[in-house]
Amino acid sequence: MDFELSLKAMIRDQIEARGVTDPSVLKAMASVPRHLFVPESLRSYAYEDHPLSIGYGQTISQPYIVAFMTEALQLTPEHTVLEIGTGSGYQAAILSLLSKRVITIERIEPLWRKAKENLKNYPNVLCVLGDGYQGYPEEAPFDRILLTAAPPEVPQALLDQLAAGGILVAPIGSGYQRLMRYTRKGPTQWEREYLCDVIFVPMLPSVERYSSG
């Protein structure tokens, strides 16, 4: 399979054609080989327009949704980003090319270990084994926060760790969810914006202690 041609077709037909126009997002999507972030048995499907299983009841999101959510963050190279739900590390790799630093939290240890391996060539990414509901107060506040799993409501800890003027993008709800963008307007004020309907795996709490080793 010609992965390079498949990647180019993915950018053209699934992402640009559906309205993602930010040149930096398109460049980042074109720079990360998605087939290296899916199980080897599924690599022939890596550039198709749907999520894929990565084991443990988790998925890698479809390319369009990754691009759409990334664009919604309005990233700049000075930003520090917190991602909740590392999965295979694909979204974190995209974020790393658009920001200064990425902290990504995964609750399932085998996925965390695999993601660390997948992200070894992305030096500005820190992979953390921990409970995403608690965020990562050690390095808060964050300019941007992205959730790739769906809580019933945005955890207050994550809203509290968002910097002034910062943006949080998250799927909210159970079953079918609403993708929402929150912008911090003050100490206790957040502007909410509905983006679209989505389906993500649920966000579940897990370990209490953090590890990046």
N, C-alpha and C. Protein backbone atom coordinates (compact mmCIF):
# COMPACT_ATOMS: atom_id res chain seq x y z
N MET A 1 0.84 -1.19 0.00
CA MET A 1 0.00 0.00 0.00
C MET A 1 0.88 1.25 0.00
N ASP A 2 0.53 2.23 -0.81
CA ASP A 2 1.28 3.47 -0.88
C ASP A 2 0.74 4.44 0.18
N PHE A 3 1.38 4.44 1.34
CA PHE A 3 0.88 5.27 2.44
C PHE A 3 0.99 6.76 2.13
N GLU A 4 2.02 7.15 1.39
CA GLU A 4 2.19 8.57 1.07
C GLU A 4 1.03 9.09 0.21
N LEU A 5 0.65 8.32 -0.80
CA LEU A 5 -0.49 8.72 -1.63
C LEU A 5 -1.78 8.72 -0.83
N SER A 6 -1.94 7.73 0.05
CA SER A 6 -3.14 7.65 0.88
C SER A 6 -3.24 8.84 1.81
N LEU A 7 -2.10 9.27 2.35
CA LEU A 7 -2.09 10.44 3.24
C LEU A 7 -2.49 11.70 2.48
N LYS A 8 -1.95 11.87 1.29
CA LYS A 8 -2.31 13.04 0.48
C LYS A 8 -3.79 13.05 0.14
N ALA A 9 -4.32 11.88 -0.19
CA ALA A 9 -5.75 11.78 -0.50
C ALA A 9 -6.60 12.07 0.73
N MET A 10 -6.15 11.63 1.89
CA MET A 10 -6.86 11.90 3.13
C MET A 10 -6.97 13.40 3.37
N ILE A 11 -5.86 14.11 3.20
CA ILE A 11 -5.87 15.56 3.41
C ILE A 11 -6.82 16.22 2.41
N ARG A 12 -6.73 15.84 1.16
CA ARG A 12 -7.53 16.49 0.11
C ARG A 12 -9.01 16.18 0.22
N ASP A 13 -9.34 14.88 0.37
CA ASP A 13 -10.74 14.45 0.24
C ASP A 13 -11.52 14.44 1.54
N GLN A 14 -10.83 14.21 2.66
CA GLN A 14 -11.55 14.09 3.93
C GLN A 14 -11.48 15.35 4.77
N ILE A 15 -10.43 16.12 4.60
CA ILE A 15 -10.20 17.25 5.51
C ILE A 15 -10.42 18.59 4.81
N GLU A 16 -9.64 18.86 3.77
CA GLU A 16 -9.86 20.12 3.05
C GLU A 16 -11.26 20.19 2.45
N ALA A 17 -11.71 19.11 1.86
CA ALA A 17 -13.01 19.11 1.19
C ALA A 17 -14.16 19.34 2.16
N ARG A 18 -13.94 19.10 3.45
CA ARG A 18 -15.00 19.26 4.45
C ARG A 18 -14.83 20.54 5.26
N GLY A 19 -13.95 21.42 4.83
CA GLY A 19 -13.94 22.76 5.39
C GLY A 19 -12.83 23.13 6.34
N VAL A 20 -11.88 22.23 6.60
CA VAL A 20 -10.73 22.60 7.42
C VAL A 20 -9.74 23.34 6.52
N THR A 21 -9.46 24.59 6.85
CA THR A 21 -8.68 25.44 5.95
C THR A 21 -7.39 25.99 6.54
N ASP A 22 -7.19 25.86 7.86
CA ASP A 22 -6.00 26.42 8.50
C ASP A 22 -4.75 25.75 7.91
N PRO A 23 -3.88 26.53 7.25
CA PRO A 23 -2.71 25.92 6.60
C PRO A 23 -1.80 25.18 7.57
N SER A 24 -1.66 25.69 8.80
CA SER A 24 -0.78 25.04 9.76
C SER A 24 -1.35 23.69 10.20
N VAL A 25 -2.67 23.60 10.33
CA VAL A 25 -3.31 22.33 10.69
C VAL A 25 -3.15 21.33 9.55
N LEU A 26 -3.38 21.77 8.33
CA LEU A 26 -3.24 20.88 7.18
C LEU A 26 -1.80 20.38 7.05
N LYS A 27 -0.85 21.27 7.30
CA LYS A 27 0.57 20.85 7.22
C LYS A 27 0.89 19.83 8.30
N ALA A 28 0.38 20.05 9.52
CA ALA A 28 0.63 19.10 10.60
C ALA A 28 0.01 17.74 10.29
N MET A 29 -1.23 17.75 9.80
CA MET A 29 -1.90 16.49 9.46
C MET A 29 -1.14 15.75 8.36
N ALA A 30 -0.54 16.50 7.44
CA ALA A 30 0.20 15.88 6.35
C ALA A 30 1.58 15.39 6.79
N SER A 31 2.03 15.83 7.97
CA SER A 31 3.37 15.51 8.44
C SER A 31 3.43 14.30 9.36
N VAL A 32 2.26 13.85 9.85
CA VAL A 32 2.24 12.73 10.80
C VAL A 32 1.71 11.48 10.10
N PRO A 33 2.49 10.43 9.98
CA PRO A 33 2.05 9.19 9.32
C PRO A 33 1.07 8.42 10.20
N ARG A 34 -0.21 8.53 9.90
CA ARG A 34 -1.24 7.95 10.76
C ARG A 34 -1.10 6.43 10.88
N HIS A 35 -0.60 5.78 9.86
CA HIS A 35 -0.52 4.31 9.90
C HIS A 35 0.43 3.81 10.99
N LEU A 36 1.33 4.67 11.46
CA LEU A 36 2.24 4.27 12.53
C LEU A 36 1.58 4.35 13.90
N PHE A 37 0.37 4.88 13.96
CA PHE A 37 -0.34 5.04 15.23
C PHE A 37 -1.55 4.11 15.36
N VAL A 38 -1.67 3.16 14.44
CA VAL A 38 -2.75 2.17 14.52
C VAL A 38 -2.12 0.79 14.60
N PRO A 39 -2.85 -0.21 15.10
CA PRO A 39 -2.30 -1.57 15.13
C PRO A 39 -1.87 -2.02 13.74
N GLU A 40 -0.80 -2.79 13.69
CA GLU A 40 -0.25 -3.21 12.40
C GLU A 40 -1.29 -3.92 11.53
N SER A 41 -2.19 -4.67 12.15
CA SER A 41 -3.20 -5.41 11.39
C SER A 41 -4.22 -4.49 10.72
N LEU A 42 -4.27 -3.22 11.14
CA LEU A 42 -5.25 -2.28 10.59
C LEU A 42 -4.61 -1.19 9.75
N ARG A 43 -3.34 -1.31 9.46
CA ARG A 43 -2.66 -0.23 8.77
C ARG A 43 -3.18 0.04 7.36
N SER A 44 -3.72 -0.95 6.72
CA SER A 44 -4.28 -0.73 5.38
C SER A 44 -5.52 0.15 5.43
N TYR A 45 -6.10 0.32 6.63
CA TYR A 45 -7.28 1.17 6.80
C TYR A 45 -6.94 2.53 7.42
N ALA A 46 -5.67 2.79 7.63
CA ALA A 46 -5.27 3.94 8.45
C ALA A 46 -5.74 5.28 7.91
N TYR A 47 -5.89 5.40 6.60
CA TYR A 47 -6.22 6.69 6.01
C TYR A 47 -7.67 6.77 5.54
N GLU A 48 -8.48 5.83 5.98
CA GLU A 48 -9.90 5.89 5.68
C GLU A 48 -10.60 6.79 6.68
N ASP A 49 -11.80 7.26 6.32
CA ASP A 49 -12.48 8.30 7.08
C ASP A 49 -13.38 7.72 8.17
N HIS A 50 -12.77 7.02 9.11
CA HIS A 50 -13.52 6.50 10.26
C HIS A 50 -12.54 6.16 11.38
N PRO A 51 -13.03 6.08 12.62
CA PRO A 51 -12.16 5.69 13.73
C PRO A 51 -11.75 4.22 13.61
N LEU A 52 -10.67 3.87 14.30
CA LEU A 52 -10.18 2.50 14.31
C LEU A 52 -9.90 2.08 15.75
N SER A 53 -10.11 0.80 16.02
CA SER A 53 -9.84 0.28 17.35
C SER A 53 -8.34 0.23 17.60
N ILE A 54 -7.96 0.63 18.82
CA ILE A 54 -6.56 0.49 19.23
C ILE A 54 -6.46 -0.41 20.46
N GLY A 55 -7.54 -1.13 20.75
CA GLY A 55 -7.56 -2.05 21.88
C GLY A 55 -8.07 -1.41 23.15
N TYR A 56 -8.42 -2.27 24.12
CA TYR A 56 -8.86 -1.84 25.45
C TYR A 56 -10.12 -0.97 25.41
N GLY A 57 -10.94 -1.20 24.37
CA GLY A 57 -12.17 -0.44 24.23
C GLY A 57 -11.98 0.99 23.76
N GLN A 58 -10.78 1.32 23.26
CA GLN A 58 -10.47 2.68 22.83
C GLN A 58 -10.28 2.74 21.32
N THR A 59 -10.36 3.96 20.79
CA THR A 59 -10.22 4.15 19.34
C THR A 59 -9.30 5.32 19.04
N ILE A 60 -8.78 5.33 17.81
CA ILE A 60 -8.13 6.50 17.23
C ILE A 60 -9.20 7.20 16.41
N SER A 61 -9.39 8.49 16.62
CA SER A 61 -10.47 9.22 15.97
C SER A 61 -10.27 9.29 14.46
N GLN A 62 -11.38 9.48 13.73
CA GLN A 62 -11.28 9.63 12.29
C GLN A 62 -10.47 10.88 11.96
N PRO A 63 -9.76 10.87 10.85
CA PRO A 63 -8.87 12.00 10.52
C PRO A 63 -9.57 13.35 10.50
N TYR A 64 -10.77 13.42 9.94
CA TYR A 64 -11.46 14.70 9.85
C TYR A 64 -11.71 15.29 11.24
N ILE A 65 -12.16 14.46 12.18
CA ILE A 65 -12.45 14.96 13.52
C ILE A 65 -11.17 15.44 14.21
N VAL A 66 -10.07 14.73 14.01
CA VAL A 66 -8.78 15.17 14.56
C VAL A 66 -8.44 16.56 14.03
N ALA A 67 -8.57 16.74 12.72
CA ALA A 67 -8.26 18.03 12.10
C ALA A 67 -9.22 19.11 12.56
N PHE A 68 -10.50 18.80 12.63
CA PHE A 68 -11.52 19.77 13.02
C PHE A 68 -11.30 20.25 14.45
N MET A 69 -11.07 19.32 15.36
CA MET A 69 -10.84 19.68 16.76
C MET A 69 -9.55 20.47 16.92
N THR A 70 -8.54 20.09 16.17
CA THR A 70 -7.26 20.81 16.24
C THR A 70 -7.44 22.25 15.76
N GLU A 71 -8.15 22.42 14.66
CA GLU A 71 -8.40 23.77 14.15
C GLU A 71 -9.20 24.59 15.16
N ALA A 72 -10.15 23.95 15.83
CA ALA A 72 -10.99 24.65 16.80
C ALA A 72 -10.20 25.19 17.99
N LEU A 73 -9.03 24.62 18.26
CA LEU A 73 -8.20 25.08 19.37
C LEU A 73 -7.50 26.41 19.08
N GLN A 74 -7.36 26.75 17.79
CA GLN A 74 -6.70 28.01 17.41
C GLN A 74 -5.30 28.10 18.02
N LEU A 75 -4.50 27.11 17.73
CA LEU A 75 -3.17 27.00 18.33
C LEU A 75 -2.16 27.97 17.73
N THR A 76 -1.20 28.38 18.56
CA THR A 76 -0.02 29.09 18.09
C THR A 76 1.22 28.40 18.66
N PRO A 77 2.40 28.66 18.09
CA PRO A 77 3.62 27.98 18.55
C PRO A 77 4.02 28.28 19.99
N GLU A 78 3.41 29.30 20.61
CA GLU A 78 3.75 29.63 21.99
C GLU A 78 2.89 28.89 23.01
N HIS A 79 1.90 28.16 22.57
CA HIS A 79 0.93 27.56 23.48
C HIS A 79 1.44 26.28 24.14
N THR A 80 1.01 26.09 25.38
CA THR A 80 1.16 24.82 26.09
C THR A 80 -0.21 24.15 26.13
N VAL A 81 -0.26 22.87 25.77
CA VAL A 81 -1.52 22.16 25.59
C VAL A 81 -1.61 20.98 26.54
N LEU A 82 -2.77 20.80 27.13
CA LEU A 82 -3.08 19.59 27.90
C LEU A 82 -4.08 18.76 27.10
N GLU A 83 -3.74 17.50 26.85
CA GLU A 83 -4.66 16.59 26.17
C GLU A 83 -5.09 15.51 27.15
N ILE A 84 -6.39 15.24 27.20
CA ILE A 84 -6.92 14.17 28.04
C ILE A 84 -7.35 13.03 27.13
N GLY A 85 -6.65 11.89 27.26
CA GLY A 85 -6.96 10.72 26.42
C GLY A 85 -5.93 10.53 25.34
N THR A 86 -4.74 10.06 25.69
CA THR A 86 -3.64 9.92 24.72
C THR A 86 -3.96 8.91 23.64
N GLY A 87 -4.57 7.78 24.03
CA GLY A 87 -4.81 6.71 23.06
C GLY A 87 -3.50 6.22 22.49
N SER A 88 -3.39 6.22 21.17
CA SER A 88 -2.15 5.77 20.51
C SER A 88 -1.13 6.88 20.37
N GLY A 89 -1.54 8.12 20.66
CA GLY A 89 -0.62 9.25 20.57
C GLY A 89 -0.75 10.08 19.31
N TYR A 90 -1.67 9.72 18.42
CA TYR A 90 -1.78 10.41 17.13
C TYR A 90 -2.15 11.88 17.30
N GLN A 91 -3.19 12.16 18.09
CA GLN A 91 -3.60 13.55 18.28
C GLN A 91 -2.50 14.35 18.94
N ALA A 92 -1.81 13.76 19.91
CA ALA A 92 -0.71 14.46 20.57
C ALA A 92 0.40 14.81 19.59
N ALA A 93 0.68 13.92 18.65
CA ALA A 93 1.70 14.20 17.64
C ALA A 93 1.31 15.40 16.80
N ILE A 94 0.04 15.47 16.40
CA ILE A 94 -0.45 16.63 15.64
C ILE A 94 -0.29 17.90 16.47
N LEU A 95 -0.74 17.86 17.72
CA LEU A 95 -0.66 19.04 18.59
C LEU A 95 0.78 19.50 18.78
N SER A 96 1.70 18.54 18.85
CA SER A 96 3.10 18.89 19.13
C SER A 96 3.72 19.72 18.02
N LEU A 97 3.23 19.56 16.80
CA LEU A 97 3.77 20.31 15.67
C LEU A 97 3.23 21.73 15.60
N LEU A 98 2.24 22.03 16.43
CA LEU A 98 1.56 23.32 16.38
C LEU A 98 1.72 24.13 17.66
N SER A 99 2.41 23.58 18.64
CA SER A 99 2.49 24.23 19.95
C SER A 99 3.87 24.04 20.55
N LYS A 100 4.10 24.73 21.67
CA LYS A 100 5.41 24.66 22.33
C LYS A 100 5.58 23.36 23.12
N ARG A 101 4.51 22.95 23.82
CA ARG A 101 4.61 21.78 24.69
C ARG A 101 3.24 21.13 24.82
N VAL A 102 3.24 19.80 24.87
CA VAL A 102 2.01 19.03 25.03
C VAL A 102 2.16 18.09 26.22
N ILE A 103 1.22 18.18 27.15
CA ILE A 103 1.10 17.19 28.23
C ILE A 103 -0.11 16.34 27.87
N THR A 104 0.08 15.04 27.74
CA THR A 104 -1.04 14.18 27.37
C THR A 104 -1.21 13.08 28.42
N ILE A 105 -2.44 12.88 28.87
CA ILE A 105 -2.73 11.96 29.97
C ILE A 105 -3.54 10.77 29.47
N GLU A 106 -3.09 9.58 29.81
CA GLU A 106 -3.78 8.34 29.47
C GLU A 106 -3.98 7.52 30.74
N ARG A 107 -5.15 6.92 30.91
CA ARG A 107 -5.45 6.17 32.12
C ARG A 107 -5.16 4.68 31.99
N ILE A 108 -5.02 4.15 30.76
CA ILE A 108 -4.81 2.72 30.53
C ILE A 108 -3.33 2.47 30.31
N GLU A 109 -2.71 1.75 31.24
CA GLU A 109 -1.25 1.66 31.22
C GLU A 109 -0.67 1.06 29.93
N PRO A 110 -1.21 -0.04 29.37
CA PRO A 110 -0.62 -0.55 28.12
C PRO A 110 -0.68 0.46 26.98
N LEU A 111 -1.77 1.23 26.89
CA LEU A 111 -1.86 2.27 25.85
C LEU A 111 -0.85 3.38 26.13
N TRP A 112 -0.70 3.75 27.38
CA TRP A 112 0.28 4.77 27.76
C TRP A 112 1.69 4.35 27.33
N ARG A 113 2.04 3.10 27.60
CA ARG A 113 3.38 2.63 27.24
C ARG A 113 3.58 2.62 25.73
N LYS A 114 2.55 2.19 25.00
CA LYS A 114 2.64 2.16 23.54
C LYS A 114 2.71 3.59 22.98
N ALA A 115 1.92 4.50 23.55
CA ALA A 115 1.94 5.88 23.08
C ALA A 115 3.31 6.52 23.30
N LYS A 116 3.93 6.23 24.45
CA LYS A 116 5.27 6.76 24.71
C LYS A 116 6.25 6.33 23.62
N GLU A 117 6.12 5.08 23.20
CA GLU A 117 6.98 4.59 22.13
C GLU A 117 6.65 5.28 20.81
N ASN A 118 5.36 5.43 20.52
CA ASN A 118 4.94 6.07 19.27
C ASN A 118 5.40 7.53 19.20
N LEU A 119 5.51 8.17 20.36
CA LEU A 119 5.81 9.60 20.41
C LEU A 119 7.28 9.90 20.72
N LYS A 120 8.13 8.91 20.63
CA LYS A 120 9.53 9.11 21.01
C LYS A 120 10.24 10.13 20.13
N ASN A 121 9.73 10.36 18.92
CA ASN A 121 10.35 11.34 18.03
C ASN A 121 9.68 12.71 18.11
N TYR A 122 8.83 12.90 19.11
CA TYR A 122 8.16 14.18 19.33
C TYR A 122 8.59 14.69 20.71
N PRO A 123 9.74 15.34 20.78
CA PRO A 123 10.37 15.63 22.08
C PRO A 123 9.62 16.62 22.96
N ASN A 124 8.69 17.38 22.41
CA ASN A 124 7.96 18.35 23.24
C ASN A 124 6.68 17.78 23.81
N VAL A 125 6.53 16.44 23.78
CA VAL A 125 5.35 15.77 24.34
C VAL A 125 5.75 15.01 25.61
N LEU A 126 5.00 15.24 26.68
CA LEU A 126 5.15 14.46 27.91
C LEU A 126 3.93 13.57 28.06
N CYS A 127 4.15 12.25 28.09
CA CYS A 127 3.06 11.28 28.27
C CYS A 127 2.94 10.94 29.76
N VAL A 128 1.74 11.10 30.28
CA VAL A 128 1.49 10.90 31.70
C VAL A 128 0.45 9.80 31.88
N LEU A 129 0.73 8.88 32.79
CA LEU A 129 -0.26 7.88 33.20
C LEU A 129 -1.01 8.46 34.39
N GLY A 130 -2.31 8.70 34.22
CA GLY A 130 -3.04 9.34 35.31
C GLY A 130 -4.52 9.48 35.03
N ASP A 131 -5.18 10.16 35.92
CA ASP A 131 -6.61 10.37 35.86
C ASP A 131 -6.90 11.71 35.21
N GLY A 132 -7.45 11.68 34.00
CA GLY A 132 -7.70 12.90 33.26
C GLY A 132 -8.66 13.85 33.94
N TYR A 133 -9.53 13.31 34.81
CA TYR A 133 -10.47 14.17 35.52
C TYR A 133 -9.75 15.18 36.42
N GLN A 134 -8.52 14.84 36.81
CA GLN A 134 -7.76 15.73 37.69
C GLN A 134 -6.86 16.69 36.92
N GLY A 135 -6.76 16.49 35.61
CA GLY A 135 -5.87 17.33 34.83
C GLY A 135 -4.41 17.11 35.22
N TYR A 136 -3.61 18.16 35.13
CA TYR A 136 -2.19 18.06 35.49
C TYR A 136 -1.77 19.36 36.16
N PRO A 137 -2.16 19.53 37.43
CA PRO A 137 -1.92 20.81 38.12
C PRO A 137 -0.45 21.19 38.22
N GLU A 138 0.45 20.20 38.11
CA GLU A 138 1.88 20.48 38.21
C GLU A 138 2.35 21.51 37.18
N GLU A 139 1.70 21.56 36.01
CA GLU A 139 2.13 22.48 34.96
C GLU A 139 1.03 23.44 34.53
N ALA A 140 -0.06 23.49 35.27
CA ALA A 140 -1.13 24.43 34.96
C ALA A 140 -0.66 25.86 35.27
N PRO A 141 -1.26 26.88 34.62
CA PRO A 141 -2.40 26.78 33.69
C PRO A 141 -1.96 26.45 32.27
N PHE A 142 -2.92 25.96 31.48
CA PHE A 142 -2.67 25.60 30.09
C PHE A 142 -3.38 26.57 29.16
N ASP A 143 -2.71 26.89 28.06
CA ASP A 143 -3.32 27.77 27.07
C ASP A 143 -4.47 27.09 26.34
N ARG A 144 -4.32 25.79 26.16
CA ARG A 144 -5.33 25.02 25.45
C ARG A 144 -5.50 23.65 26.13
N ILE A 145 -6.73 23.15 26.16
CA ILE A 145 -7.01 21.82 26.69
C ILE A 145 -7.92 21.11 25.70
N LEU A 146 -7.59 19.87 25.39
CA LEU A 146 -8.38 19.07 24.45
C LEU A 146 -8.73 17.74 25.09
N LEU A 147 -10.01 17.38 25.05
CA LEU A 147 -10.47 16.08 25.54
C LEU A 147 -10.80 15.22 24.34
N THR A 148 -10.27 13.99 24.33
CA THR A 148 -10.57 13.05 23.25
C THR A 148 -11.39 11.87 23.76
N ALA A 149 -12.01 12.07 24.91
CA ALA A 149 -13.01 11.15 25.46
C ALA A 149 -14.08 12.03 26.09
N ALA A 150 -15.28 11.49 26.24
CA ALA A 150 -16.42 12.33 26.60
C ALA A 150 -16.85 12.17 28.05
N PRO A 151 -16.74 13.23 28.85
CA PRO A 151 -17.33 13.22 30.18
C PRO A 151 -18.78 13.69 30.11
N PRO A 152 -19.59 13.40 31.13
CA PRO A 152 -20.96 13.92 31.14
C PRO A 152 -20.98 15.44 31.17
N GLU A 153 -20.02 16.04 31.90
CA GLU A 153 -19.83 17.48 31.98
C GLU A 153 -18.32 17.73 32.04
N VAL A 154 -17.92 18.93 31.68
CA VAL A 154 -16.49 19.24 31.78
C VAL A 154 -16.07 19.24 33.24
N PRO A 155 -15.06 18.47 33.62
CA PRO A 155 -14.60 18.49 35.01
C PRO A 155 -14.15 19.88 35.43
N GLN A 156 -14.55 20.29 36.61
CA GLN A 156 -14.19 21.63 37.09
C GLN A 156 -12.68 21.79 37.19
N ALA A 157 -11.98 20.71 37.53
CA ALA A 157 -10.52 20.79 37.64
C ALA A 157 -9.89 21.23 36.33
N LEU A 158 -10.46 20.78 35.20
CA LEU A 158 -9.91 21.16 33.91
C LEU A 158 -10.22 22.62 33.58
N LEU A 159 -11.44 23.05 33.87
CA LEU A 159 -11.77 24.46 33.66
C LEU A 159 -10.86 25.35 34.51
N ASP A 160 -10.58 24.93 35.73
CA ASP A 160 -9.73 25.71 36.62
C ASP A 160 -8.29 25.78 36.12
N GLN A 161 -7.85 24.77 35.36
CA GLN A 161 -6.48 24.74 34.86
C GLN A 161 -6.32 25.43 33.51
N LEU A 162 -7.39 26.02 33.00
CA LEU A 162 -7.34 26.76 31.74
C LEU A 162 -6.87 28.19 32.01
N ALA A 163 -5.89 28.63 31.25
CA ALA A 163 -5.35 29.98 31.42
C ALA A 163 -6.38 31.04 31.02
N ALA A 164 -6.19 32.25 31.49
CA ALA A 164 -7.05 33.36 31.08
C ALA A 164 -7.02 33.50 29.57
N GLY A 165 -8.19 33.54 28.95
CA GLY A 165 -8.28 33.61 27.50
C GLY A 165 -8.07 32.28 26.81
N GLY A 166 -7.84 31.22 27.60
CA GLY A 166 -7.57 29.91 27.03
C GLY A 166 -8.80 29.24 26.47
N ILE A 167 -8.58 28.20 25.67
CA ILE A 167 -9.66 27.48 24.99
C ILE A 167 -9.60 26.00 25.37
N LEU A 168 -10.76 25.45 25.67
CA LEU A 168 -10.93 24.01 25.92
C LEU A 168 -11.94 23.48 24.93
N VAL A 169 -11.60 22.39 24.25
CA VAL A 169 -12.50 21.73 23.30
C VAL A 169 -12.76 20.32 23.80
N ALA A 170 -14.05 19.93 23.88
CA ALA A 170 -14.38 18.63 24.47
C ALA A 170 -15.72 18.13 23.95
N PRO A 171 -15.83 16.79 23.75
CA PRO A 171 -17.14 16.18 23.54
C PRO A 171 -17.82 16.00 24.89
N ILE A 172 -19.07 16.39 24.99
CA ILE A 172 -19.78 16.37 26.26
C ILE A 172 -21.06 15.54 26.14
N GLY A 173 -21.27 14.64 27.11
CA GLY A 173 -22.49 13.85 27.13
C GLY A 173 -22.22 12.36 27.05
N SER A 174 -23.29 11.57 26.97
CA SER A 174 -23.17 10.12 26.82
C SER A 174 -23.91 9.70 25.56
N GLY A 175 -23.47 8.58 24.96
CA GLY A 175 -24.04 8.20 23.67
C GLY A 175 -23.58 9.19 22.62
N TYR A 176 -24.52 9.81 21.92
CA TYR A 176 -24.19 10.92 21.03
C TYR A 176 -23.84 12.13 21.89
N GLN A 177 -22.79 12.83 21.51
CA GLN A 177 -22.32 13.95 22.32
C GLN A 177 -22.29 15.25 21.50
N ARG A 178 -22.17 16.34 22.22
CA ARG A 178 -22.01 17.65 21.61
C ARG A 178 -20.57 18.08 21.77
N LEU A 179 -19.92 18.42 20.67
CA LEU A 179 -18.56 18.95 20.75
C LEU A 179 -18.67 20.44 21.09
N MET A 180 -18.04 20.81 22.21
CA MET A 180 -18.17 22.16 22.74
C MET A 180 -16.80 22.84 22.83
N ARG A 181 -16.81 24.15 22.66
CA ARG A 181 -15.60 24.94 22.86
C ARG A 181 -15.86 25.94 24.00
N TYR A 182 -15.00 25.90 25.00
CA TYR A 182 -15.07 26.80 26.15
C TYR A 182 -13.90 27.78 26.09
N THR A 183 -14.20 29.06 26.22
CA THR A 183 -13.15 30.09 26.27
C THR A 183 -13.23 30.79 27.62
N ARG A 184 -12.10 30.83 28.32
CA ARG A 184 -12.11 31.44 29.66
C ARG A 184 -12.10 32.96 29.54
N LYS A 185 -13.15 33.57 30.09
CA LYS A 185 -13.32 35.02 30.03
C LYS A 185 -13.01 35.72 31.36
N GLY A 186 -12.91 34.97 32.42
CA GLY A 186 -12.64 35.54 33.73
C GLY A 186 -12.41 34.44 34.73
N PRO A 187 -12.14 34.77 35.99
CA PRO A 187 -11.85 33.76 37.00
C PRO A 187 -12.93 32.69 37.11
N THR A 188 -14.19 33.08 36.95
CA THR A 188 -15.29 32.10 37.04
C THR A 188 -16.23 32.22 35.84
N GLN A 189 -15.70 32.68 34.71
CA GLN A 189 -16.53 32.88 33.53
C GLN A 189 -15.94 32.15 32.33
N TRP A 190 -16.78 31.35 31.68
CA TRP A 190 -16.37 30.63 30.48
C TRP A 190 -17.45 30.81 29.41
N GLU A 191 -17.05 31.22 28.25
CA GLU A 191 -17.97 31.31 27.11
C GLU A 191 -18.08 29.94 26.46
N ARG A 192 -19.30 29.47 26.21
CA ARG A 192 -19.52 28.15 25.62
C ARG A 192 -20.02 28.28 24.19
N GLU A 193 -19.51 27.41 23.32
CA GLU A 193 -19.91 27.43 21.91
C GLU A 193 -20.10 25.98 21.42
N TYR A 194 -21.25 25.70 20.86
CA TYR A 194 -21.51 24.38 20.27
C TYR A 194 -20.85 24.31 18.89
N LEU A 195 -20.14 23.21 18.62
CA LEU A 195 -19.46 23.04 17.35
C LEU A 195 -20.14 22.03 16.44
N CYS A 196 -20.44 20.83 16.96
CA CYS A 196 -21.10 19.81 16.15
C CYS A 196 -21.45 18.62 17.03
N ASP A 197 -22.18 17.65 16.49
CA ASP A 197 -22.45 16.39 17.18
C ASP A 197 -21.35 15.39 16.88
N VAL A 198 -20.97 14.60 17.86
CA VAL A 198 -19.87 13.64 17.71
C VAL A 198 -20.18 12.37 18.52
N ILE A 199 -19.36 11.35 18.32
CA ILE A 199 -19.41 10.13 19.13
C ILE A 199 -17.99 9.79 19.56
N PHE A 200 -17.75 9.83 20.86
CA PHE A 200 -16.45 9.47 21.43
C PHE A 200 -16.65 8.40 22.50
N VAL A 201 -15.58 7.71 22.83
CA VAL A 201 -15.63 6.80 23.97
C VAL A 201 -15.81 7.63 25.23
N PRO A 202 -16.42 7.05 26.28
CA PRO A 202 -16.62 7.82 27.51
C PRO A 202 -15.31 8.09 28.24
N MET A 203 -15.27 9.20 28.93
CA MET A 203 -14.12 9.53 29.75
C MET A 203 -14.34 8.99 31.15
N LEU A 204 -13.43 8.14 31.59
CA LEU A 204 -13.57 7.47 32.88
C LEU A 204 -12.41 7.83 33.79
N PRO A 205 -12.65 7.99 35.09
CA PRO A 205 -11.55 8.20 36.02
C PRO A 205 -10.79 6.91 36.24
N SER A 206 -9.54 7.02 36.63
CA SER A 206 -8.80 5.78 36.91
C SER A 206 -7.79 6.03 38.01
N VAL A 207 -6.52 5.88 37.71
CA VAL A 207 -5.48 5.92 38.74
C VAL A 207 -5.40 7.29 39.39
N GLU A 208 -5.00 7.32 40.65
CA GLU A 208 -4.91 8.58 41.37
C GLU A 208 -3.52 9.20 41.28
N ARG A 209 -2.52 8.39 41.06
CA ARG A 209 -1.16 8.91 41.05
C ARG A 209 -0.69 9.04 39.61
N TYR A 210 0.25 9.92 39.40
CA TYR A 210 0.76 10.20 38.07
C TYR A 210 2.12 9.53 37.89
N SER A 211 2.39 9.18 36.66
CA SER A 211 3.70 8.63 36.32
C SER A 211 4.03 9.03 34.90
N SER A 212 5.25 9.45 34.65
CA SER A 212 5.71 9.71 33.29
C SER A 212 6.94 8.86 32.98
N GLY A 213 7.26 7.93 33.88
CA GLY A 213 8.45 7.10 33.71
C GLY A 213 8.15 5.81 32.99
